[in-house]
Amino acid sequence: MSMPPRGRSAGDEEGRRQSNETLCPESHATIEAAIVCAEKHLGSFRMPMSPYWGTLRANDHLVVGFQLSSRQRWRLDYAPDPDKLVHVNEENFDATPGHQRIVHKVEGQTNDTQVMLYYHKWTSQYGQRP
C-alpha cells in the first residue's frame, strides 16, 4: 500500500480517491488563513488574480474564488459533509496527479453563512458576470 499524500491517513484517503482530492496537512483557523495557504501553494500570494465565477446554477452569478489562469485557481466552498464543511479548494491542473486538487479545511466553521458573505463581498467588487 502506498503512503497517502499530504497528511491524510489511509482510511481518509480512500474516501477522496474518486475525486482525487488531498487534504492540506496544515490547520486553518480562519477562511483567510486557508486562502493564504492555497495562494502560497499556487505561488500566487499577493499577486493579482482574476475573479472566478461559480459554475453551478445556484452560484453562477457569484464570484466564488480567484484564478491565475484557467488551470490554476482557488475557490471558497461549503459542503454538508462533516469532513469538509467550510473549505478552500485549491486547483492546479499543471501539477502532478495527486497534487492537483487540495482541500484546505477551515476548522470550527460549521455553516455556510461566512461563505455567502465572502461571495457577496467579492461579487459586489466586480459587478455582474461578464
N, C-alpha and C. Protein backbone atom coordinates (compact mmCIF):
# COMPACT_ATOMS: atom_id res chain seq x y z
N MET A 1 0.85 -1.18 0.00
CA MET A 1 0.00 0.00 0.00
C MET A 1 0.89 1.23 0.00
N SER A 2 0.57 2.20 -0.87
CA SER A 2 1.36 3.42 -0.94
C SER A 2 0.95 4.38 0.17
N MET A 3 1.83 5.29 0.48
CA MET A 3 1.55 6.28 1.53
C MET A 3 0.60 7.34 1.00
N PRO A 4 -0.41 7.75 1.77
CA PRO A 4 -1.31 8.81 1.34
C PRO A 4 -0.57 10.14 1.28
N PRO A 5 -0.86 10.99 0.29
CA PRO A 5 -0.16 12.27 0.16
C PRO A 5 -0.64 13.30 1.17
N ARG A 6 0.24 14.23 1.51
CA ARG A 6 -0.02 15.44 2.28
C ARG A 6 -0.86 15.27 3.53
N GLY A 7 -0.50 14.33 4.38
CA GLY A 7 -1.08 14.29 5.71
C GLY A 7 -2.38 13.53 5.87
N ARG A 8 -2.86 12.83 4.89
CA ARG A 8 -4.09 12.05 5.03
C ARG A 8 -3.74 10.68 5.58
N SER A 9 -4.65 10.10 6.33
CA SER A 9 -4.47 8.71 6.74
C SER A 9 -5.00 7.82 5.62
N ALA A 10 -4.60 6.57 5.62
CA ALA A 10 -5.02 5.65 4.55
C ALA A 10 -6.53 5.54 4.48
N GLY A 11 -7.22 5.47 5.61
CA GLY A 11 -8.68 5.36 5.62
C GLY A 11 -9.34 6.62 5.09
N ASP A 12 -8.83 7.79 5.48
CA ASP A 12 -9.38 9.04 4.99
C ASP A 12 -9.15 9.19 3.50
N GLU A 13 -8.00 8.77 3.05
CA GLU A 13 -7.65 8.92 1.64
C GLU A 13 -8.57 8.10 0.76
N GLU A 14 -8.99 6.96 1.22
CA GLU A 14 -9.87 6.10 0.43
C GLU A 14 -11.13 6.84 0.00
N GLY A 15 -11.69 7.63 0.89
CA GLY A 15 -12.91 8.36 0.58
C GLY A 15 -12.72 9.48 -0.43
N ARG A 16 -11.50 9.92 -0.64
CA ARG A 16 -11.23 11.03 -1.56
C ARG A 16 -10.70 10.56 -2.91
N ARG A 17 -10.40 9.29 -3.07
CA ARG A 17 -9.79 8.82 -4.31
C ARG A 17 -10.63 9.11 -5.54
N GLN A 18 -11.95 9.00 -5.42
CA GLN A 18 -12.80 9.23 -6.57
C GLN A 18 -12.66 10.66 -7.09
N SER A 19 -12.48 11.61 -6.23
CA SER A 19 -12.38 13.00 -6.66
C SER A 19 -10.93 13.47 -6.75
N ASN A 20 -9.98 12.63 -6.40
CA ASN A 20 -8.55 12.96 -6.45
C ASN A 20 -8.20 14.17 -5.60
N GLU A 21 -8.90 14.36 -4.49
CA GLU A 21 -8.61 15.46 -3.58
C GLU A 21 -7.64 15.01 -2.50
N THR A 22 -6.80 15.95 -2.08
CA THR A 22 -5.85 15.72 -1.00
C THR A 22 -6.12 16.76 0.07
N LEU A 23 -6.12 16.37 1.32
CA LEU A 23 -6.34 17.31 2.41
C LEU A 23 -5.03 17.99 2.78
N CYS A 24 -5.04 19.31 2.88
CA CYS A 24 -3.86 20.05 3.32
C CYS A 24 -3.53 19.63 4.76
N PRO A 25 -2.26 19.36 5.05
CA PRO A 25 -1.91 18.92 6.41
C PRO A 25 -1.91 20.05 7.45
N GLU A 26 -1.98 21.30 7.00
CA GLU A 26 -1.97 22.43 7.93
C GLU A 26 -3.37 22.68 8.48
N SER A 27 -3.43 23.18 9.70
CA SER A 27 -4.70 23.55 10.31
C SER A 27 -4.97 25.02 10.00
N HIS A 28 -6.20 25.33 9.57
CA HIS A 28 -6.58 26.70 9.23
C HIS A 28 -7.70 27.15 10.16
N ALA A 29 -7.41 28.16 10.98
CA ALA A 29 -8.39 28.64 11.95
C ALA A 29 -9.39 29.60 11.32
N THR A 30 -9.04 30.20 10.19
CA THR A 30 -9.91 31.18 9.54
C THR A 30 -9.95 30.93 8.03
N ILE A 31 -10.95 31.50 7.41
CA ILE A 31 -11.04 31.44 5.94
C ILE A 31 -9.82 32.12 5.33
N GLU A 32 -9.42 33.25 5.88
CA GLU A 32 -8.27 33.98 5.37
C GLU A 32 -7.00 33.13 5.41
N ALA A 33 -6.81 32.39 6.51
CA ALA A 33 -5.62 31.54 6.63
C ALA A 33 -5.63 30.44 5.57
N ALA A 34 -6.79 29.88 5.29
CA ALA A 34 -6.90 28.84 4.26
C ALA A 34 -6.61 29.42 2.88
N ILE A 35 -7.10 30.63 2.62
CA ILE A 35 -6.85 31.29 1.34
C ILE A 35 -5.36 31.57 1.17
N VAL A 36 -4.73 32.11 2.20
CA VAL A 36 -3.29 32.41 2.13
C VAL A 36 -2.49 31.13 1.86
N CYS A 37 -2.84 30.05 2.53
CA CYS A 37 -2.14 28.78 2.32
C CYS A 37 -2.29 28.31 0.87
N ALA A 38 -3.50 28.39 0.34
CA ALA A 38 -3.73 27.99 -1.05
C ALA A 38 -2.96 28.88 -2.01
N GLU A 39 -2.97 30.20 -1.77
CA GLU A 39 -2.24 31.12 -2.64
C GLU A 39 -0.74 30.87 -2.60
N LYS A 40 -0.21 30.61 -1.42
CA LYS A 40 1.23 30.32 -1.31
C LYS A 40 1.57 29.05 -2.06
N HIS A 41 0.73 28.04 -1.92
CA HIS A 41 0.98 26.77 -2.59
C HIS A 41 0.91 26.94 -4.11
N LEU A 42 0.02 27.81 -4.59
CA LEU A 42 -0.10 28.08 -6.03
C LEU A 42 0.99 29.03 -6.54
N GLY A 43 1.72 29.65 -5.60
CA GLY A 43 2.74 30.62 -6.00
C GLY A 43 2.12 31.96 -6.37
N SER A 44 0.93 32.25 -5.84
CA SER A 44 0.23 33.48 -6.22
C SER A 44 0.00 34.42 -5.05
N PHE A 45 0.65 34.19 -3.92
CA PHE A 45 0.42 35.01 -2.74
C PHE A 45 0.75 36.47 -3.05
N ARG A 46 -0.22 37.34 -2.79
CA ARG A 46 -0.10 38.79 -3.02
C ARG A 46 0.10 39.15 -4.48
N MET A 47 -0.31 38.28 -5.37
CA MET A 47 -0.26 38.57 -6.80
C MET A 47 -1.67 38.89 -7.29
N PRO A 48 -1.79 39.72 -8.32
CA PRO A 48 -3.13 39.99 -8.86
C PRO A 48 -3.73 38.72 -9.45
N MET A 49 -5.00 38.52 -9.19
CA MET A 49 -5.71 37.36 -9.71
C MET A 49 -7.06 37.84 -10.25
N SER A 50 -7.61 37.07 -11.17
CA SER A 50 -8.91 37.37 -11.75
C SER A 50 -10.01 36.69 -10.95
N PRO A 51 -11.20 37.27 -10.93
CA PRO A 51 -12.30 36.61 -10.22
C PRO A 51 -12.66 35.29 -10.90
N TYR A 52 -13.03 34.33 -10.09
CA TYR A 52 -13.50 33.04 -10.59
C TYR A 52 -14.98 32.94 -10.25
N TRP A 53 -15.82 32.92 -11.28
CA TRP A 53 -17.27 32.88 -11.11
C TRP A 53 -17.74 31.46 -10.91
N GLY A 54 -18.79 31.31 -10.11
CA GLY A 54 -19.36 30.00 -9.87
C GLY A 54 -19.79 29.33 -11.17
N THR A 55 -19.80 28.01 -11.16
CA THR A 55 -20.15 27.26 -12.36
C THR A 55 -21.45 26.48 -12.21
N LEU A 56 -22.06 26.55 -11.04
CA LEU A 56 -23.33 25.87 -10.81
C LEU A 56 -24.48 26.86 -10.96
N ARG A 57 -25.63 26.35 -11.28
CA ARG A 57 -26.81 27.21 -11.45
C ARG A 57 -27.05 28.09 -10.22
N ALA A 58 -26.82 27.54 -9.04
CA ALA A 58 -27.08 28.28 -7.80
C ALA A 58 -26.06 29.38 -7.53
N ASN A 59 -24.87 29.32 -8.16
CA ASN A 59 -23.85 30.34 -7.85
C ASN A 59 -23.18 30.93 -9.09
N ASP A 60 -23.75 30.73 -10.28
CA ASP A 60 -23.09 31.22 -11.49
C ASP A 60 -23.09 32.75 -11.60
N HIS A 61 -23.79 33.42 -10.72
CA HIS A 61 -23.82 34.88 -10.69
C HIS A 61 -22.92 35.45 -9.58
N LEU A 62 -22.16 34.58 -8.92
CA LEU A 62 -21.32 34.98 -7.78
C LEU A 62 -19.85 34.70 -8.03
N VAL A 63 -18.98 35.59 -7.53
CA VAL A 63 -17.55 35.32 -7.51
C VAL A 63 -17.31 34.39 -6.33
N VAL A 64 -16.79 33.19 -6.60
CA VAL A 64 -16.60 32.18 -5.55
C VAL A 64 -15.13 31.96 -5.23
N GLY A 65 -14.23 32.62 -5.96
CA GLY A 65 -12.80 32.47 -5.74
C GLY A 65 -12.03 33.31 -6.73
N PHE A 66 -10.74 32.97 -6.89
CA PHE A 66 -9.89 33.74 -7.79
C PHE A 66 -8.95 32.81 -8.54
N GLN A 67 -8.52 33.25 -9.74
CA GLN A 67 -7.69 32.39 -10.58
C GLN A 67 -6.51 33.15 -11.18
N LEU A 68 -5.41 32.42 -11.33
CA LEU A 68 -4.26 32.92 -12.08
C LEU A 68 -4.47 32.65 -13.56
N SER A 69 -5.06 31.49 -13.84
CA SER A 69 -5.36 31.07 -15.21
C SER A 69 -6.50 30.07 -15.13
N SER A 70 -6.92 29.58 -16.27
CA SER A 70 -8.00 28.59 -16.26
C SER A 70 -7.54 27.27 -15.64
N ARG A 71 -6.24 27.11 -15.42
CA ARG A 71 -5.69 25.88 -14.86
C ARG A 71 -5.19 26.01 -13.42
N GLN A 72 -5.18 27.23 -12.88
CA GLN A 72 -4.71 27.46 -11.52
C GLN A 72 -5.65 28.43 -10.82
N ARG A 73 -6.30 27.94 -9.75
CA ARG A 73 -7.28 28.76 -9.06
C ARG A 73 -7.54 28.22 -7.66
N TRP A 74 -8.23 29.04 -6.87
CA TRP A 74 -8.77 28.57 -5.60
C TRP A 74 -10.19 29.11 -5.50
N ARG A 75 -11.02 28.38 -4.77
CA ARG A 75 -12.40 28.82 -4.57
C ARG A 75 -12.85 28.42 -3.18
N LEU A 76 -13.63 29.29 -2.59
CA LEU A 76 -14.21 29.05 -1.27
C LEU A 76 -15.46 28.21 -1.45
N ASP A 77 -15.65 27.24 -0.57
CA ASP A 77 -16.77 26.33 -0.75
C ASP A 77 -17.31 25.87 0.60
N TYR A 78 -18.52 25.33 0.55
CA TYR A 78 -19.14 24.70 1.71
C TYR A 78 -19.77 23.40 1.25
N ALA A 79 -19.56 22.35 2.01
CA ALA A 79 -20.20 21.06 1.76
C ALA A 79 -20.74 20.54 3.08
N PRO A 80 -21.95 20.00 3.08
CA PRO A 80 -22.52 19.49 4.34
C PRO A 80 -21.81 18.25 4.87
N ASP A 81 -20.83 17.75 4.15
CA ASP A 81 -20.02 16.61 4.58
C ASP A 81 -19.19 17.03 5.80
N PRO A 82 -19.31 16.34 6.95
CA PRO A 82 -18.58 16.74 8.15
C PRO A 82 -17.06 16.73 7.98
N ASP A 83 -16.55 16.04 6.97
CA ASP A 83 -15.11 16.05 6.71
C ASP A 83 -14.67 17.30 5.96
N LYS A 84 -15.63 18.07 5.44
CA LYS A 84 -15.29 19.26 4.66
C LYS A 84 -15.84 20.54 5.29
N LEU A 85 -17.16 20.68 5.35
CA LEU A 85 -17.83 21.90 5.81
C LEU A 85 -17.25 23.10 5.05
N VAL A 86 -16.78 24.15 5.75
CA VAL A 86 -16.20 25.31 5.07
C VAL A 86 -14.76 24.97 4.70
N HIS A 87 -14.42 25.18 3.43
CA HIS A 87 -13.08 24.85 2.95
C HIS A 87 -12.74 25.65 1.71
N VAL A 88 -11.46 25.69 1.38
CA VAL A 88 -10.97 26.30 0.16
C VAL A 88 -10.46 25.18 -0.72
N ASN A 89 -10.96 25.14 -1.94
CA ASN A 89 -10.48 24.17 -2.93
C ASN A 89 -9.38 24.83 -3.74
N GLU A 90 -8.19 24.27 -3.67
CA GLU A 90 -7.07 24.73 -4.48
C GLU A 90 -6.99 23.79 -5.68
N GLU A 91 -6.96 24.36 -6.87
CA GLU A 91 -6.89 23.55 -8.08
C GLU A 91 -5.74 24.02 -8.96
N ASN A 92 -4.83 23.11 -9.22
CA ASN A 92 -3.68 23.41 -10.07
C ASN A 92 -3.52 22.24 -11.03
N PHE A 93 -4.10 22.37 -12.21
CA PHE A 93 -4.10 21.27 -13.16
C PHE A 93 -2.77 21.14 -13.91
N ASP A 94 -1.81 22.01 -13.58
CA ASP A 94 -0.45 21.87 -14.12
C ASP A 94 0.42 21.03 -13.19
N ALA A 95 -0.06 20.76 -11.99
CA ALA A 95 0.68 19.95 -11.01
C ALA A 95 0.57 18.47 -11.38
N THR A 96 1.39 17.67 -10.73
CA THR A 96 1.36 16.23 -10.98
C THR A 96 0.08 15.63 -10.41
N PRO A 97 -0.41 14.53 -10.99
CA PRO A 97 -1.61 13.89 -10.45
C PRO A 97 -1.43 13.58 -8.97
N GLY A 98 -2.50 13.77 -8.21
CA GLY A 98 -2.45 13.59 -6.77
C GLY A 98 -2.15 14.87 -6.02
N HIS A 99 -1.71 15.90 -6.75
CA HIS A 99 -1.42 17.21 -6.16
C HIS A 99 -2.17 18.32 -6.88
N GLN A 100 -3.14 17.95 -7.70
CA GLN A 100 -3.87 18.94 -8.49
C GLN A 100 -5.02 19.56 -7.73
N ARG A 101 -5.59 18.83 -6.80
CA ARG A 101 -6.75 19.31 -6.05
C ARG A 101 -6.48 19.15 -4.56
N ILE A 102 -6.33 20.28 -3.86
CA ILE A 102 -6.04 20.26 -2.43
C ILE A 102 -7.16 20.97 -1.68
N VAL A 103 -7.64 20.34 -0.63
CA VAL A 103 -8.71 20.89 0.20
C VAL A 103 -8.10 21.49 1.46
N HIS A 104 -8.38 22.78 1.69
CA HIS A 104 -7.92 23.49 2.88
C HIS A 104 -9.13 23.69 3.78
N LYS A 105 -9.29 22.81 4.75
CA LYS A 105 -10.45 22.87 5.64
C LYS A 105 -10.27 23.99 6.67
N VAL A 106 -11.38 24.71 6.92
CA VAL A 106 -11.39 25.78 7.92
C VAL A 106 -12.01 25.19 9.19
N GLU A 107 -11.21 25.09 10.24
CA GLU A 107 -11.67 24.49 11.49
C GLU A 107 -12.70 25.38 12.18
N GLY A 108 -13.72 24.75 12.75
CA GLY A 108 -14.70 25.47 13.55
C GLY A 108 -15.81 26.15 12.78
N GLN A 109 -15.75 26.14 11.47
CA GLN A 109 -16.82 26.74 10.66
C GLN A 109 -17.79 25.63 10.28
N THR A 110 -19.03 25.71 10.75
CA THR A 110 -19.97 24.61 10.54
C THR A 110 -21.15 24.94 9.63
N ASN A 111 -21.26 26.20 9.17
CA ASN A 111 -22.35 26.51 8.25
C ASN A 111 -21.83 27.44 7.15
N ASP A 112 -22.69 27.72 6.18
CA ASP A 112 -22.25 28.47 5.00
C ASP A 112 -22.42 29.98 5.10
N THR A 113 -22.76 30.52 6.27
CA THR A 113 -23.01 31.94 6.41
C THR A 113 -21.79 32.77 6.00
N GLN A 114 -20.63 32.47 6.54
CA GLN A 114 -19.42 33.22 6.19
C GLN A 114 -19.08 33.07 4.70
N VAL A 115 -19.29 31.89 4.17
CA VAL A 115 -19.01 31.64 2.75
C VAL A 115 -19.86 32.58 1.89
N MET A 116 -21.15 32.66 2.19
CA MET A 116 -22.05 33.52 1.42
C MET A 116 -21.67 35.00 1.57
N LEU A 117 -21.23 35.40 2.75
CA LEU A 117 -20.79 36.79 2.95
C LEU A 117 -19.59 37.11 2.08
N TYR A 118 -18.63 36.20 2.00
CA TYR A 118 -17.47 36.39 1.12
C TYR A 118 -17.90 36.46 -0.34
N TYR A 119 -18.77 35.55 -0.77
CA TYR A 119 -19.25 35.56 -2.16
C TYR A 119 -19.85 36.92 -2.51
N HIS A 120 -20.71 37.42 -1.63
CA HIS A 120 -21.37 38.69 -1.92
C HIS A 120 -20.39 39.87 -1.87
N LYS A 121 -19.45 39.83 -0.97
CA LYS A 121 -18.42 40.88 -0.90
C LYS A 121 -17.61 40.91 -2.19
N TRP A 122 -17.13 39.75 -2.63
CA TRP A 122 -16.32 39.68 -3.85
C TRP A 122 -17.14 40.08 -5.07
N THR A 123 -18.37 39.61 -5.15
CA THR A 123 -19.23 39.91 -6.30
C THR A 123 -19.52 41.40 -6.37
N SER A 124 -19.73 42.05 -5.24
CA SER A 124 -20.02 43.49 -5.24
C SER A 124 -18.83 44.29 -5.77
N GLN A 125 -17.62 43.75 -5.66
CA GLN A 125 -16.43 44.43 -6.18
C GLN A 125 -16.31 44.32 -7.69
N TYR A 126 -16.92 43.29 -8.27
CA TYR A 126 -16.76 43.04 -9.71
C TYR A 126 -18.04 43.22 -10.51
N GLY A 127 -19.15 43.45 -9.84
CA GLY A 127 -20.41 43.65 -10.55
C GLY A 127 -20.94 42.36 -11.12
N GLN A 128 -21.72 42.47 -12.21
CA GLN A 128 -22.31 41.29 -12.81
C GLN A 128 -21.30 40.53 -13.65
N ARG A 129 -21.57 39.26 -13.79
CA ARG A 129 -20.70 38.38 -14.58
C ARG A 129 -20.62 38.91 -16.01
N PRO A 130 -19.42 38.96 -16.57
CA PRO A 130 -19.28 39.44 -17.96
C PRO A 130 -19.94 38.48 -18.95
